[in-house]
Amino acid sequence: MPKLKTRRAAAKRFRRSGSGKLMRRKAFKNHLLQHKSSDRKSRLSKIAVVDETNEKNVELMLPYN
């Protein structure tokens, strides 16, 4: 069976945690930050777990991750 290609865009956005969960960055932390509170920006900086409804799709994009 031939090797599968990794989707490079997904490889840059998702990582596997030590326990095997898929991790992602949170949205809304790129621009227009002056009116967002520092608490909110701090929350957005943290890594989040990919939701189980999307996990299958992400795993198909990252066959060897």
Protein backbone atom coordinates (compact mmCIF):
# COMPACT_ATOMS: atom_id res chain seq x y z
CA MET A 1 0.00 0.00 0.00
CA PRO A 2 1.41 3.43 -0.90
CA LYS A 3 2.42 6.00 1.65
CA LEU A 4 -0.21 8.60 2.55
CA LYS A 5 0.49 12.30 2.26
CA THR A 6 0.12 14.56 5.26
CA ARG A 7 -1.88 17.75 4.76
CA ARG A 8 0.78 20.35 5.48
CA ALA A 9 -1.70 23.04 6.57
CA ALA A 10 -3.07 20.67 9.23
CA ALA A 11 0.42 19.63 10.31
CA LYS A 12 1.20 23.26 11.14
CA ARG A 13 -1.99 23.71 13.18
CA PHE A 14 -2.35 20.51 15.21
CA ARG A 15 -0.07 18.63 17.60
CA ARG A 16 -0.42 15.37 19.48
CA SER A 17 -0.22 15.62 23.28
CA GLY A 18 1.68 13.17 25.44
CA SER A 19 -1.50 11.26 26.20
CA GLY A 20 -2.42 11.10 22.50
CA LYS A 21 -5.03 13.86 22.29
CA LEU A 22 -5.02 16.31 19.40
CA MET A 23 -4.27 19.87 20.48
CA ARG A 24 -5.05 23.16 18.71
CA ARG A 25 -4.66 26.90 19.18
CA LYS A 26 -7.64 29.07 20.01
CA ALA A 27 -9.08 31.58 17.56
CA PHE A 28 -9.39 35.40 17.88
CA LYS A 29 -5.84 36.13 19.11
CA ASN A 30 -4.33 37.54 15.90
CA HIS A 31 -5.41 41.17 15.57
CA LEU A 32 -7.78 43.79 17.01
CA LEU A 33 -6.32 43.01 20.42
CA GLN A 34 -6.46 46.53 21.87
CA HIS A 35 -10.10 46.27 22.98
CA LYS A 36 -9.85 42.72 24.38
CA SER A 37 -9.15 42.40 28.08
CA SER A 38 -5.85 40.93 29.23
CA ASP A 39 -7.78 38.11 30.95
CA ARG A 40 -9.46 37.24 27.69
CA LYS A 41 -6.18 37.37 25.75
CA SER A 42 -4.57 35.15 28.37
CA ARG A 43 -7.36 32.58 28.00
CA LEU A 44 -7.00 32.66 24.22
CA SER A 45 -3.26 31.96 24.51
CA LYS A 46 -3.82 28.54 26.03
CA ILE A 47 -3.86 25.34 24.01
CA ALA A 48 -7.21 23.59 23.54
CA VAL A 49 -8.15 19.98 22.83
CA VAL A 50 -9.74 19.23 19.46
CA ASP A 51 -13.41 18.37 19.94
CA GLU A 52 -14.32 14.70 19.51
CA THR A 53 -16.69 15.58 16.64
CA ASN A 54 -13.73 16.93 14.63
CA GLU A 55 -11.09 14.47 15.80
CA LYS A 56 -11.70 11.91 13.04
CA ASN A 57 -11.28 14.53 10.30
CA VAL A 58 -8.05 15.84 11.79
CA GLU A 59 -6.64 12.33 12.14
CA LEU A 60 -7.34 11.66 8.45
CA MET A 61 -5.35 14.78 7.56
CA LEU A 62 -2.43 13.65 9.76
CA PRO A 63 -1.95 9.94 8.99
CA TYR A 64 1.43 9.57 10.74
CA ASN A 65 1.04 11.98 13.62
